Amino acid sequence: MALLERVGTLLRANLNELVEKAEDPERLLKQVVLDMENQLLQVKTQVAIAIAGEHLLEKKRAEQAEKAAEWRKKAELAVSKSQEDMARGALERVLSHEELAKGFASQLEDQKHEAENLRQALRKLEQKLSETRARSEMLIAEHRRARAVGRAAEARRAAGMDTGHAVERLKSRVHERAAESAATTEVMAQESLEEKFAALENADRVELLLKEIKEQQAVQ
């Protein structure tokens, strides 16, 4: 089915590769999600149609089986009345309805197989759509952040701003504070256990401050 082929194409789609090749990644990702939502709706419709087809074929099979049983009873009645010609005619009807019942049963099996394929495609597409939505949101956020960082870098270059020296000064200040803290710890020979832990925590806070400064400068 063309529909299942389209679903297969969507399931095999690699978002990262698509984004790398796209001129407008955000637009592409939104379009991919929209395409998957449209295909999902079509698959749901086809599943409903396939299930309805199953019920219809089962009904027709049961009707033919019921008619075959009715004609068999008539044949038995004719035999009990010594009406062999009528019995033969009834049995011919029995065979005809049984053949029709077999035909509908065969179609029913094919219909069940097709419906199951559609159900599997629906489940896979639903899972893929959920994953794609989440992945798309993350990729869009990354793309927007990259653009923002790029614009900030361009703005700094345009303004002739050099933040390197400022960063070094901040790092020096942080290291000075760390050195002072370490020196104080060594001098205070009689300090309590609580004071030692306080000094350790203070050193950790210094390192966190340094990490925050580096992260802030990396984002700008």
Protein backbone atom coordinates (compact mmCIF):
# COMPACT_ATOMS: atom_id res chain seq x y z
CA MET A 1 0.00 0.00 0.00
CA ALA A 2 1.18 3.48 -0.86
CA LEU A 3 0.06 4.66 2.57
CA LEU A 4 2.25 2.13 4.38
CA GLU A 5 5.16 3.04 2.12
CA ARG A 6 4.80 6.70 3.10
CA VAL A 7 4.60 5.72 6.76
CA GLY A 8 7.76 3.64 6.34
CA THR A 9 9.55 6.63 4.83
CA LEU A 10 8.57 8.80 7.79
CA LEU A 11 9.64 6.12 10.28
CA ARG A 12 13.07 5.90 8.64
CA ALA A 13 13.57 9.66 8.58
CA ASN A 14 16.68 10.88 10.41
CA LEU A 15 15.98 14.29 11.92
CA ASN A 16 19.63 15.16 12.44
CA GLU A 17 20.45 14.57 8.78
CA LEU A 18 17.41 16.53 7.65
CA VAL A 19 18.29 19.46 9.90
CA GLU A 20 21.90 19.55 8.69
CA LYS A 21 20.75 19.80 5.06
CA ALA A 22 17.90 22.27 5.65
CA GLU A 23 18.16 25.99 4.99
CA ASP A 24 15.47 26.63 7.61
CA PRO A 25 15.67 23.83 10.24
CA GLU A 26 12.76 25.12 12.33
CA ARG A 27 10.43 25.19 9.36
CA LEU A 28 11.58 21.75 8.26
CA LEU A 29 11.04 20.21 11.71
CA LYS A 30 7.56 21.68 11.99
CA GLN A 31 6.74 20.35 8.52
CA VAL A 32 7.99 16.86 9.43
CA VAL A 33 5.76 16.80 12.52
CA LEU A 34 2.81 18.06 10.47
CA ASP A 35 3.39 15.38 7.82
CA MET A 36 3.50 12.69 10.49
CA GLU A 37 0.29 13.98 12.09
CA ASN A 38 -1.45 13.90 8.69
CA GLN A 39 -0.21 10.39 7.99
CA LEU A 40 -1.28 9.29 11.46
CA LEU A 41 -4.79 10.54 10.78
CA GLN A 42 -4.88 8.67 7.47
CA VAL A 43 -3.65 5.45 9.08
CA LYS A 44 -6.29 5.74 11.83
CA THR A 45 -8.94 6.14 9.14
CA GLN A 46 -7.63 3.10 7.26
CA VAL A 47 -7.55 1.03 10.45
CA ALA A 48 -11.20 1.91 11.10
CA ILE A 49 -12.12 0.98 7.52
CA ALA A 50 -10.21 -2.31 7.78
CA ILE A 51 -11.96 -3.22 11.03
CA ALA A 52 -15.33 -2.39 9.50
CA GLY A 53 -14.38 -4.62 6.55
CA GLU A 54 -13.60 -7.45 8.95
CA HIS A 55 -17.03 -7.19 10.56
CA LEU A 56 -18.77 -7.09 7.18
CA LEU A 57 -16.93 -10.16 5.84
CA GLU A 58 -17.56 -12.06 9.06
CA LYS A 59 -21.26 -11.21 8.79
CA LYS A 60 -21.41 -12.43 5.17
CA ARG A 61 -19.51 -15.63 6.05
CA ALA A 62 -21.91 -16.32 8.92
CA GLU A 63 -24.92 -15.66 6.69
CA GLN A 64 -23.73 -18.18 4.09
CA ALA A 65 -22.93 -20.76 6.77
CA GLU A 66 -26.39 -20.25 8.26
CA LYS A 67 -28.05 -20.71 4.85
CA ALA A 68 -26.02 -23.87 4.24
CA ALA A 69 -27.24 -25.23 7.58
CA GLU A 70 -30.86 -24.36 6.71
CA TRP A 71 -30.67 -26.15 3.34
CA ARG A 72 -29.07 -29.17 5.00
CA LYS A 73 -32.06 -29.41 7.33
CA LYS A 74 -34.34 -29.21 4.30
CA ALA A 75 -32.37 -31.97 2.60
CA GLU A 76 -32.72 -34.12 5.72
CA LEU A 77 -36.45 -33.42 5.74
CA ALA A 78 -36.76 -34.37 2.06
CA VAL A 79 -34.87 -37.63 2.70
CA SER A 80 -37.19 -38.41 5.63
CA LYS A 81 -40.13 -37.95 3.24
CA SER A 82 -38.47 -40.08 0.56
CA GLN A 83 -38.12 -37.03 -1.72
CA GLU A 84 -34.64 -37.74 -3.04
CA ASP A 85 -34.86 -35.24 -5.93
CA MET A 86 -35.76 -32.47 -3.52
CA ALA A 87 -32.98 -33.63 -1.20
CA ARG A 88 -30.46 -33.47 -4.06
CA GLY A 89 -31.60 -29.93 -4.94
CA ALA A 90 -31.28 -28.88 -1.28
CA LEU A 91 -27.81 -30.41 -1.02
CA GLU A 92 -26.71 -28.52 -4.13
CA ARG A 93 -27.75 -25.35 -2.34
CA VAL A 94 -25.81 -26.50 0.70
CA LEU A 95 -22.63 -26.89 -1.34
CA SER A 96 -23.15 -23.51 -3.02
CA HIS A 97 -23.55 -21.67 0.28
CA GLU A 98 -20.61 -23.53 1.81
CA GLU A 99 -18.38 -22.43 -1.06
CA LEU A 100 -19.49 -18.86 -0.61
CA ALA A 101 -18.82 -19.15 3.13
CA LYS A 102 -15.29 -20.42 2.41
CA GLY A 103 -14.70 -17.55 0.00
CA PHE A 104 -15.76 -14.98 2.58
CA ALA A 105 -13.63 -16.74 5.23
CA SER A 106 -10.57 -16.49 2.96
CA GLN A 107 -11.24 -12.79 2.35
CA LEU A 108 -11.71 -12.32 6.07
CA GLU A 109 -8.25 -13.74 6.80
CA ASP A 110 -6.69 -11.39 4.24
CA GLN A 111 -8.60 -8.49 5.73
CA LYS A 112 -7.42 -9.39 9.24
CA HIS A 113 -3.83 -9.51 8.02
CA GLU A 114 -4.15 -6.11 6.38
CA ALA A 115 -5.82 -4.63 9.45
CA GLU A 116 -3.04 -5.97 11.69
CA ASN A 117 -0.38 -4.43 9.43
CA LEU A 118 -2.19 -1.12 9.68
CA ARG A 119 -2.46 -1.42 13.47
CA GLN A 120 1.27 -2.06 13.74
CA ALA A 121 2.01 0.88 11.46
CA LEU A 122 -0.28 3.03 13.60
CA ARG A 123 1.48 2.05 16.83
CA LYS A 124 4.92 2.67 15.34
CA LEU A 125 3.86 5.99 13.86
CA GLU A 126 2.32 7.13 17.14
CA GLN A 127 5.57 6.30 18.96
CA LYS A 128 7.67 7.94 16.26
CA LEU A 129 5.48 11.05 16.32
CA SER A 130 5.86 11.35 20.09
CA GLU A 131 9.63 10.97 19.81
CA THR A 132 9.81 13.37 16.87
CA ARG A 133 7.84 16.06 18.69
CA ALA A 134 10.17 15.90 21.67
CA ARG A 135 13.27 15.75 19.49
CA SER A 136 12.04 18.62 17.32
CA GLU A 137 11.44 20.84 20.34
CA MET A 138 14.99 20.17 21.55
CA LEU A 139 16.54 20.76 18.12
CA ILE A 140 14.57 23.97 17.65
CA ALA A 141 15.72 25.20 21.08
CA GLU A 142 19.33 24.33 20.21
CA HIS A 143 19.02 26.07 16.84
CA ARG A 144 17.60 29.23 18.43
CA ARG A 145 20.30 29.22 21.10
CA ALA A 146 23.01 28.80 18.47
CA ARG A 147 21.61 31.74 16.54
CA ALA A 148 21.45 33.85 19.69
CA VAL A 149 25.05 32.99 20.57
CA GLY A 150 26.09 33.79 17.00
CA ARG A 151 24.36 37.16 17.11
CA ALA A 152 25.97 37.97 20.45
CA ALA A 153 29.39 37.10 19.10
CA GLU A 154 28.83 39.26 16.05
CA ALA A 155 27.69 42.12 18.25
CA ARG A 156 30.84 41.88 20.36
CA ARG A 157 33.05 41.85 17.30
CA ALA A 158 31.17 44.80 15.82
CA ALA A 159 31.55 46.79 19.03
CA GLY A 160 35.22 45.85 19.33
CA MET A 161 34.67 44.40 22.75
CA ASP A 162 37.45 42.26 24.16
CA THR A 163 36.30 40.37 27.20
CA GLY A 164 39.45 38.25 27.50
CA HIS A 165 41.23 40.59 29.93
CA ALA A 166 38.09 41.01 31.99
CA VAL A 167 37.77 37.23 32.30
CA GLU A 168 41.39 36.88 33.37
CA ARG A 169 40.95 39.58 36.01
CA LEU A 170 37.88 37.82 37.37
CA LYS A 171 39.71 34.49 37.39
CA SER A 172 42.64 36.12 39.23
CA ARG A 173 40.32 37.52 41.85
CA VAL A 174 38.73 34.12 42.34
CA HIS A 175 42.11 32.41 42.69
CA GLU A 176 43.26 35.08 45.15
CA ARG A 177 40.20 34.40 47.27
CA ALA A 178 40.91 30.68 47.12
CA ALA A 179 44.57 31.24 48.11
CA GLU A 180 43.59 33.48 51.01
CA SER A 181 41.12 30.91 52.22
CA ALA A 182 43.74 28.15 52.04
CA ALA A 183 46.33 30.29 53.87
CA THR A 184 43.90 31.07 56.65
CA THR A 185 43.19 27.37 57.06
CA GLU A 186 46.90 26.56 57.44
CA VAL A 187 47.53 29.32 60.01
CA MET A 188 44.64 28.45 62.27
CA ALA A 189 46.20 25.44 63.99
CA GLN A 190 43.66 25.34 66.82
CA GLU A 191 40.57 25.68 64.64
CA SER A 192 37.63 23.43 65.37
CA LEU A 193 36.35 20.59 63.16
CA GLU A 194 33.37 22.78 62.20
CA GLU A 195 35.73 25.48 61.02
CA LYS A 196 37.66 23.00 58.89
CA PHE A 197 34.49 21.87 57.16
CA ALA A 198 33.51 25.51 56.69
CA ALA A 199 36.83 26.14 54.97
CA LEU A 200 36.25 23.16 52.65
CA GLU A 201 32.76 24.40 51.78
CA ASN A 202 34.13 27.87 51.12
CA ALA A 203 36.66 26.42 48.68
CA ASP A 204 33.82 24.60 46.91
CA ARG A 205 31.86 27.82 46.63
CA VAL A 206 34.90 29.50 45.11
CA GLU A 207 35.16 26.78 42.47
CA LEU A 208 31.44 27.06 41.76
CA LEU A 209 31.82 30.81 41.33
CA LEU A 210 34.67 30.22 38.90
CA LYS A 211 32.59 27.70 36.98
CA GLU A 212 29.65 30.11 36.80
CA ILE A 213 31.85 32.86 35.42
CA LYS A 214 33.26 30.56 32.77
CA GLU A 215 29.77 29.41 31.78
CA GLN A 216 28.50 32.98 31.60
CA GLN A 217 31.37 33.97 29.33
CA ALA A 218 30.89 30.91 27.15
CA VAL A 219 27.22 31.81 26.55
CA GLN A 220 27.91 35.42 25.69
